Amino acid sequence: MSYFKLTEFISDNQLDHPQLAQRKILPKINTWIDELDKVRSLVGFPIKITDSVRWGDGTSQHYFNGAGAIDLRPVLVDPNNFLYLLLALYSNPNINRICYYPPGELFAYGGFHIDKKFHGKHLFISNADVVKWEIIDLHNLVKEFR
């Protein structure tokens, strides 16, 4: 059983997009669904995908250059849920970069950007109103939710 549906990663009007039809993106999305099912099972509460596939060209990981990227948050906005989600994402060996966006202009409720761009674990925190990532360690990132 999967907690996630393809339409959470691709809107209905994109289901006939040529890249999807040619199966260039579908395997990457299915890999993300598998990884996020593990995370969802671990945390025990619903997770909302807030950004995933973007069509076209660009430098964002969301264009599925490499393995692609996902933005997500707990459905119920609560500091403990954010903390548990962070720890579940961090414990997943196949998620390498995690950036926390505090509530602000970019993410009204806050959220995480996750991708597989590097080897090892890399944690970041962004400014609440503009994309400005700063490296942070797990100990200090956990403090953001206390």
N, C-alpha and C. Protein backbone atom coordinates (compact mmCIF):
# COMPACT_ATOMS: atom_id res chain seq x y z
N MET A 1 0.84 -1.18 0.00
CA MET A 1 0.00 0.00 0.00
C MET A 1 0.89 1.25 0.00
N SER A 2 0.54 2.19 -0.83
CA SER A 2 1.27 3.45 -0.88
C SER A 2 0.43 4.55 -0.24
N TYR A 3 1.11 5.42 0.48
CA TYR A 3 0.44 6.57 1.07
C TYR A 3 0.26 7.69 0.05
N PHE A 4 0.98 7.63 -1.06
CA PHE A 4 1.00 8.72 -2.02
C PHE A 4 0.47 8.27 -3.37
N LYS A 5 -0.12 9.23 -4.09
CA LYS A 5 -0.63 8.99 -5.43
C LYS A 5 0.19 9.78 -6.43
N LEU A 6 0.25 9.31 -7.64
CA LEU A 6 0.98 10.00 -8.70
C LEU A 6 0.51 11.44 -8.85
N THR A 7 -0.78 11.68 -8.67
CA THR A 7 -1.32 13.03 -8.85
C THR A 7 -0.86 14.00 -7.76
N GLU A 8 -0.25 13.50 -6.68
CA GLU A 8 0.33 14.41 -5.69
C GLU A 8 1.66 14.97 -6.19
N PHE A 9 2.24 14.32 -7.17
CA PHE A 9 3.52 14.73 -7.74
C PHE A 9 3.35 15.38 -9.10
N ILE A 10 2.24 15.07 -9.76
CA ILE A 10 1.95 15.59 -11.10
C ILE A 10 0.47 15.95 -11.13
N SER A 11 0.15 17.16 -11.53
CA SER A 11 -1.25 17.55 -11.58
C SER A 11 -1.96 16.82 -12.73
N ASP A 12 -3.28 16.72 -12.60
CA ASP A 12 -4.07 16.00 -13.59
C ASP A 12 -3.82 16.49 -15.01
N ASN A 13 -3.66 17.81 -15.18
CA ASN A 13 -3.47 18.34 -16.53
C ASN A 13 -2.07 18.08 -17.07
N GLN A 14 -1.18 17.49 -16.26
CA GLN A 14 0.16 17.15 -16.72
C GLN A 14 0.31 15.67 -17.04
N LEU A 15 -0.72 14.87 -16.75
CA LEU A 15 -0.61 13.42 -16.90
C LEU A 15 -0.33 12.98 -18.34
N ASP A 16 -0.68 13.82 -19.32
CA ASP A 16 -0.40 13.46 -20.71
C ASP A 16 0.82 14.19 -21.26
N HIS A 17 1.63 14.78 -20.38
CA HIS A 17 2.83 15.48 -20.81
C HIS A 17 3.78 14.50 -21.51
N PRO A 18 4.43 14.91 -22.62
CA PRO A 18 5.31 13.99 -23.36
C PRO A 18 6.40 13.35 -22.52
N GLN A 19 7.00 14.08 -21.58
CA GLN A 19 8.06 13.47 -20.76
C GLN A 19 7.51 12.34 -19.90
N LEU A 20 6.28 12.49 -19.45
CA LEU A 20 5.68 11.43 -18.66
C LEU A 20 5.30 10.27 -19.57
N ALA A 21 4.72 10.60 -20.73
CA ALA A 21 4.32 9.57 -21.68
C ALA A 21 5.52 8.74 -22.15
N GLN A 22 6.67 9.39 -22.29
CA GLN A 22 7.87 8.68 -22.72
C GLN A 22 8.57 7.98 -21.56
N ARG A 23 7.96 8.04 -20.39
CA ARG A 23 8.46 7.35 -19.20
C ARG A 23 9.84 7.84 -18.75
N LYS A 24 10.15 9.10 -19.04
CA LYS A 24 11.43 9.64 -18.60
C LYS A 24 11.38 10.06 -17.13
N ILE A 25 10.22 10.45 -16.65
CA ILE A 25 10.11 10.98 -15.31
C ILE A 25 9.43 10.00 -14.35
N LEU A 26 8.55 9.18 -14.86
CA LEU A 26 7.78 8.28 -14.01
C LEU A 26 8.65 7.40 -13.10
N PRO A 27 9.74 6.81 -13.57
CA PRO A 27 10.57 6.00 -12.65
C PRO A 27 11.14 6.83 -11.49
N LYS A 28 11.49 8.09 -11.73
CA LYS A 28 12.02 8.93 -10.67
C LYS A 28 10.92 9.25 -9.65
N ILE A 29 9.72 9.50 -10.13
CA ILE A 29 8.61 9.78 -9.22
C ILE A 29 8.29 8.54 -8.40
N ASN A 30 8.28 7.38 -9.03
CA ASN A 30 8.01 6.14 -8.30
C ASN A 30 9.07 5.88 -7.23
N THR A 31 10.31 6.23 -7.52
CA THR A 31 11.37 6.10 -6.51
C THR A 31 11.09 7.02 -5.34
N TRP A 32 10.67 8.25 -5.62
CA TRP A 32 10.33 9.17 -4.53
C TRP A 32 9.13 8.66 -3.73
N ILE A 33 8.14 8.12 -4.41
CA ILE A 33 6.98 7.57 -3.70
C ILE A 33 7.44 6.46 -2.76
N ASP A 34 8.31 5.58 -3.22
CA ASP A 34 8.83 4.50 -2.36
C ASP A 34 9.54 5.07 -1.13
N GLU A 35 10.40 6.06 -1.34
CA GLU A 35 11.15 6.65 -0.21
C GLU A 35 10.22 7.38 0.75
N LEU A 36 9.27 8.13 0.21
CA LEU A 36 8.37 8.89 1.08
C LEU A 36 7.36 8.00 1.78
N ASP A 37 7.02 6.85 1.20
CA ASP A 37 6.18 5.88 1.91
C ASP A 37 6.89 5.40 3.18
N LYS A 38 8.20 5.20 3.10
CA LYS A 38 8.98 4.79 4.29
C LYS A 38 8.95 5.90 5.34
N VAL A 39 9.14 7.12 4.90
CA VAL A 39 9.13 8.27 5.82
C VAL A 39 7.75 8.41 6.45
N ARG A 40 6.72 8.33 5.64
CA ARG A 40 5.33 8.47 6.13
C ARG A 40 5.00 7.37 7.14
N SER A 41 5.43 6.16 6.86
CA SER A 41 5.20 5.05 7.78
C SER A 41 5.91 5.29 9.11
N LEU A 42 7.10 5.84 9.05
CA LEU A 42 7.88 6.10 10.25
C LEU A 42 7.26 7.19 11.12
N VAL A 43 6.80 8.28 10.51
CA VAL A 43 6.26 9.39 11.31
C VAL A 43 4.85 9.12 11.81
N GLY A 44 4.08 8.38 11.07
CA GLY A 44 2.72 8.04 11.51
C GLY A 44 1.69 9.12 11.31
N PHE A 45 1.99 10.14 10.52
CA PHE A 45 1.00 11.18 10.22
C PHE A 45 1.11 11.58 8.76
N PRO A 46 0.05 12.16 8.19
CA PRO A 46 0.06 12.53 6.76
C PRO A 46 1.09 13.61 6.44
N ILE A 47 1.62 13.49 5.24
CA ILE A 47 2.60 14.43 4.69
C ILE A 47 2.02 15.01 3.41
N LYS A 48 2.17 16.31 3.23
CA LYS A 48 1.68 16.98 2.03
C LYS A 48 2.84 17.32 1.11
N ILE A 49 2.73 16.91 -0.15
CA ILE A 49 3.70 17.30 -1.18
C ILE A 49 3.30 18.70 -1.64
N THR A 50 4.19 19.67 -1.49
CA THR A 50 3.85 21.04 -1.87
C THR A 50 4.48 21.45 -3.20
N ASP A 51 5.48 20.72 -3.66
CA ASP A 51 6.09 21.00 -4.97
C ASP A 51 6.86 19.75 -5.41
N SER A 52 6.77 19.47 -6.68
CA SER A 52 7.48 18.30 -7.19
C SER A 52 7.93 18.58 -8.61
N VAL A 53 7.31 17.93 -9.56
CA VAL A 53 7.73 17.99 -10.95
C VAL A 53 7.50 19.37 -11.55
N ARG A 54 8.50 19.86 -12.22
CA ARG A 54 8.36 21.07 -13.03
C ARG A 54 8.81 20.72 -14.44
N TRP A 55 8.05 21.15 -15.41
CA TRP A 55 8.38 20.87 -16.81
C TRP A 55 9.19 22.02 -17.37
N GLY A 56 10.06 21.71 -18.29
CA GLY A 56 10.85 22.73 -18.95
C GLY A 56 12.30 22.66 -18.52
N ASP A 57 12.99 23.77 -18.72
CA ASP A 57 14.41 23.83 -18.40
C ASP A 57 14.63 24.80 -17.24
N GLY A 58 15.63 24.51 -16.47
CA GLY A 58 15.99 25.38 -15.37
C GLY A 58 17.04 24.73 -14.50
N THR A 59 17.52 25.45 -13.53
CA THR A 59 18.57 24.93 -12.68
C THR A 59 18.02 24.26 -11.42
N SER A 60 16.75 24.42 -11.12
CA SER A 60 16.16 23.82 -9.93
C SER A 60 16.19 22.30 -10.04
N GLN A 61 16.41 21.65 -8.92
CA GLN A 61 16.33 20.19 -8.88
C GLN A 61 14.92 19.70 -9.20
N HIS A 62 13.92 20.56 -9.07
CA HIS A 62 12.55 20.16 -9.34
C HIS A 62 12.31 19.83 -10.81
N TYR A 63 13.21 20.24 -11.68
CA TYR A 63 13.08 19.90 -13.10
C TYR A 63 13.51 18.46 -13.36
N PHE A 64 13.79 17.72 -12.31
CA PHE A 64 14.20 16.32 -12.39
C PHE A 64 15.49 16.16 -13.16
N ASN A 65 16.39 17.16 -13.00
CA ASN A 65 17.77 16.95 -13.39
C ASN A 65 18.31 16.03 -12.31
N GLY A 66 19.03 15.02 -12.65
CA GLY A 66 19.47 14.07 -11.63
C GLY A 66 18.27 13.29 -11.13
N ALA A 67 18.13 13.19 -9.82
CA ALA A 67 17.05 12.41 -9.23
C ALA A 67 15.79 13.22 -8.96
N GLY A 68 15.86 14.54 -9.11
CA GLY A 68 14.71 15.38 -8.85
C GLY A 68 14.65 15.83 -7.41
N ALA A 69 13.62 16.58 -7.09
CA ALA A 69 13.46 17.13 -5.75
C ALA A 69 11.99 17.22 -5.39
N ILE A 70 11.73 17.25 -4.10
CA ILE A 70 10.38 17.32 -3.57
C ILE A 70 10.36 18.38 -2.47
N ASP A 71 9.28 19.13 -2.39
CA ASP A 71 9.01 19.98 -1.24
C ASP A 71 7.82 19.37 -0.51
N LEU A 72 7.89 19.34 0.83
CA LEU A 72 6.85 18.71 1.60
C LEU A 72 6.78 19.30 3.00
N ARG A 73 5.69 18.98 3.67
CA ARG A 73 5.50 19.40 5.05
C ARG A 73 4.46 18.48 5.68
N PRO A 74 4.39 18.48 7.01
CA PRO A 74 3.30 17.74 7.66
C PRO A 74 1.97 18.39 7.30
N VAL A 75 0.92 17.60 7.17
CA VAL A 75 -0.40 18.16 6.90
C VAL A 75 -0.83 19.02 8.09
N LEU A 76 -0.66 18.49 9.29
CA LEU A 76 -0.97 19.26 10.49
C LEU A 76 0.27 20.04 10.90
N VAL A 77 0.16 21.35 10.83
CA VAL A 77 1.30 22.22 11.11
C VAL A 77 1.47 22.31 12.62
N ASP A 78 2.50 21.63 13.11
CA ASP A 78 2.81 21.59 14.53
C ASP A 78 4.32 21.42 14.64
N PRO A 79 4.98 22.16 15.53
CA PRO A 79 6.44 22.03 15.64
C PRO A 79 6.92 20.60 15.86
N ASN A 80 6.17 19.82 16.67
CA ASN A 80 6.57 18.43 16.88
C ASN A 80 6.50 17.62 15.59
N ASN A 81 5.48 17.86 14.78
CA ASN A 81 5.37 17.14 13.50
C ASN A 81 6.53 17.49 12.59
N PHE A 82 6.93 18.76 12.57
CA PHE A 82 8.08 19.15 11.76
C PHE A 82 9.35 18.46 12.27
N LEU A 83 9.50 18.40 13.56
CA LEU A 83 10.66 17.74 14.14
C LEU A 83 10.69 16.26 13.78
N TYR A 84 9.58 15.57 13.96
CA TYR A 84 9.51 14.14 13.63
C TYR A 84 9.76 13.90 12.14
N LEU A 85 9.22 14.80 11.31
CA LEU A 85 9.44 14.65 9.87
C LEU A 85 10.91 14.86 9.54
N LEU A 86 11.53 15.88 10.13
CA LEU A 86 12.97 16.10 9.92
C LEU A 86 13.76 14.85 10.28
N LEU A 87 13.50 14.27 11.43
CA LEU A 87 14.26 13.11 11.88
C LEU A 87 14.02 11.90 10.98
N ALA A 88 12.80 11.73 10.50
CA ALA A 88 12.51 10.63 9.58
C ALA A 88 13.21 10.84 8.24
N LEU A 89 13.21 12.07 7.74
CA LEU A 89 13.92 12.37 6.49
C LEU A 89 15.41 12.13 6.67
N TYR A 90 15.94 12.57 7.80
CA TYR A 90 17.37 12.44 8.07
C TYR A 90 17.77 10.96 8.19
N SER A 91 16.88 10.15 8.71
CA SER A 91 17.21 8.73 8.89
C SER A 91 17.16 7.94 7.59
N ASN A 92 16.55 8.51 6.56
CA ASN A 92 16.46 7.81 5.28
C ASN A 92 17.79 7.94 4.54
N PRO A 93 18.47 6.81 4.27
CA PRO A 93 19.79 6.87 3.63
C PRO A 93 19.76 7.36 2.19
N ASN A 94 18.58 7.40 1.57
CA ASN A 94 18.48 7.79 0.17
C ASN A 94 18.07 9.25 -0.03
N ILE A 95 17.93 9.97 1.06
CA ILE A 95 17.66 11.40 0.99
C ILE A 95 18.90 12.09 1.52
N ASN A 96 19.56 12.86 0.65
CA ASN A 96 20.87 13.41 0.99
C ASN A 96 20.86 14.86 1.42
N ARG A 97 20.02 15.67 0.78
CA ARG A 97 19.96 17.09 1.13
C ARG A 97 18.59 17.40 1.69
N ILE A 98 18.59 18.09 2.82
CA ILE A 98 17.35 18.51 3.46
C ILE A 98 17.52 19.99 3.79
N CYS A 99 16.60 20.79 3.29
CA CYS A 99 16.61 22.22 3.63
C CYS A 99 15.28 22.56 4.28
N TYR A 100 15.34 23.15 5.44
CA TYR A 100 14.14 23.60 6.15
C TYR A 100 13.86 25.05 5.80
N TYR A 101 12.61 25.29 5.38
CA TYR A 101 12.12 26.65 5.15
C TYR A 101 11.18 27.01 6.29
N PRO A 102 11.58 27.93 7.16
CA PRO A 102 10.66 28.36 8.23
C PRO A 102 9.43 29.02 7.63
N PRO A 103 8.34 29.11 8.39
CA PRO A 103 7.16 29.80 7.88
C PRO A 103 7.51 31.23 7.45
N GLY A 104 7.01 31.61 6.29
CA GLY A 104 7.29 32.94 5.76
C GLY A 104 6.67 33.11 4.40
N GLU A 105 7.21 34.02 3.64
CA GLU A 105 6.66 34.34 2.33
C GLU A 105 6.71 33.16 1.36
N LEU A 106 7.80 32.40 1.38
CA LEU A 106 7.95 31.27 0.45
C LEU A 106 7.08 30.09 0.84
N PHE A 107 7.08 29.75 2.10
CA PHE A 107 6.31 28.63 2.63
C PHE A 107 5.47 29.16 3.78
N ALA A 108 4.21 29.41 3.53
CA ALA A 108 3.36 30.02 4.56
C ALA A 108 3.39 29.23 5.87
N TYR A 109 3.45 27.91 5.76
CA TYR A 109 3.43 27.06 6.95
C TYR A 109 4.80 26.48 7.28
N GLY A 110 5.79 26.77 6.47
CA GLY A 110 7.09 26.14 6.60
C GLY A 110 7.11 24.86 5.78
N GLY A 111 8.28 24.29 5.63
CA GLY A 111 8.37 23.05 4.87
C GLY A 111 9.81 22.65 4.64
N PHE A 112 9.96 21.53 3.97
CA PHE A 112 11.28 20.99 3.66
C PHE A 112 11.44 20.82 2.15
N HIS A 113 12.62 21.10 1.67
CA HIS A 113 13.04 20.73 0.32
C HIS A 113 13.96 19.54 0.52
N ILE A 114 13.72 18.46 -0.23
CA ILE A 114 14.60 17.29 -0.14
C ILE A 114 15.02 16.88 -1.54
N ASP A 115 16.26 16.40 -1.63
CA ASP A 115 16.73 15.86 -2.90
C ASP A 115 17.87 14.89 -2.65
N LYS A 116 18.45 14.42 -3.74
CA LYS A 116 19.51 13.41 -3.67
C LYS A 116 20.76 13.90 -4.40
N LYS A 117 21.00 15.19 -4.32
CA LYS A 117 22.05 15.79 -5.13
C LYS A 117 23.46 15.36 -4.74
N PHE A 118 23.74 15.18 -3.47
CA PHE A 118 25.08 14.85 -3.02
C PHE A 118 25.09 13.50 -2.29
N HIS A 119 26.28 12.99 -2.03
CA HIS A 119 26.42 11.81 -1.18
C HIS A 119 26.55 12.28 0.25
N GLY A 120 26.14 11.46 1.19
CA GLY A 120 26.20 11.85 2.59
C GLY A 120 25.00 12.72 2.94
N LYS A 121 24.99 13.23 4.15
CA LYS A 121 23.89 14.09 4.60
C LYS A 121 24.33 15.54 4.60
N HIS A 122 23.45 16.38 4.10
CA HIS A 122 23.71 17.81 4.04
C HIS A 122 22.44 18.53 4.49
N LEU A 123 22.54 19.29 5.56
CA LEU A 123 21.40 20.00 6.11
C LEU A 123 21.56 21.50 5.90
N PHE A 124 20.43 22.13 5.62
CA PHE A 124 20.41 23.56 5.38
C PHE A 124 19.17 24.15 6.03
N ILE A 125 19.23 25.44 6.27
CA ILE A 125 18.06 26.21 6.66
C ILE A 125 18.04 27.41 5.73
N SER A 126 16.84 27.83 5.35
CA SER A 126 16.71 28.97 4.45
C SER A 126 16.13 30.16 5.20
N ASN A 127 16.34 31.32 4.64
CA ASN A 127 15.67 32.52 5.09
C ASN A 127 14.17 32.30 4.84
N ALA A 128 13.33 32.87 5.65
CA ALA A 128 11.89 32.66 5.52
C ALA A 128 11.28 33.35 4.32
N ASP A 129 11.94 34.39 3.79
CA ASP A 129 11.30 35.18 2.73
C ASP A 129 11.97 35.11 1.37
N VAL A 130 13.20 34.65 1.31
CA VAL A 130 13.89 34.47 0.04
C VAL A 130 14.69 33.17 0.12
N VAL A 131 14.95 32.58 -1.04
CA VAL A 131 15.74 31.36 -1.03
C VAL A 131 17.19 31.71 -0.74
N LYS A 132 17.62 31.41 0.45
CA LYS A 132 18.99 31.66 0.86
C LYS A 132 19.38 30.55 1.83
N TRP A 133 19.98 29.51 1.30
CA TRP A 133 20.33 28.35 2.11
C TRP A 133 21.62 28.59 2.89
N GLU A 134 21.61 28.19 4.15
CA GLU A 134 22.81 28.21 4.99
C GLU A 134 23.00 26.81 5.57
N ILE A 135 24.23 26.35 5.59
CA ILE A 135 24.53 25.05 6.17
C ILE A 135 24.24 25.08 7.66
N ILE A 136 23.67 23.99 8.16
CA ILE A 136 23.36 23.88 9.58
C ILE A 136 23.57 22.43 9.99
N ASP A 137 23.93 22.20 11.24
CA ASP A 137 24.08 20.82 11.69
C ASP A 137 22.76 20.34 12.29
N LEU A 138 22.64 19.04 12.49
CA LEU A 138 21.38 18.46 12.97
C LEU A 138 21.00 19.03 14.34
N HIS A 139 21.94 19.15 15.24
CA HIS A 139 21.67 19.66 16.58
C HIS A 139 21.02 21.05 16.52
N ASN A 140 21.57 21.95 15.74
CA ASN A 140 21.02 23.30 15.64
C ASN A 140 19.72 23.35 14.86
N LEU A 141 19.57 22.47 13.89
CA LEU A 141 18.30 22.43 13.15
C LEU A 141 17.18 21.93 14.05
N VAL A 142 17.45 20.94 14.88
CA VAL A 142 16.45 20.44 15.82
C VAL A 142 15.96 21.56 16.74
N LYS A 143 16.85 22.46 17.12
CA LYS A 143 16.49 23.58 18.01
C LYS A 143 15.42 24.48 17.38
N GLU A 144 15.35 24.50 16.05
CA GLU A 144 14.36 25.34 15.36
C GLU A 144 12.92 24.94 15.71
N PHE A 145 12.73 23.71 16.16
CA PHE A 145 11.39 23.19 16.41
C PHE A 145 11.06 23.12 17.90
N ARG A 146 11.92 23.65 18.73
CA ARG A 146 11.71 23.61 20.20
C ARG A 146 11.24 24.94 20.70
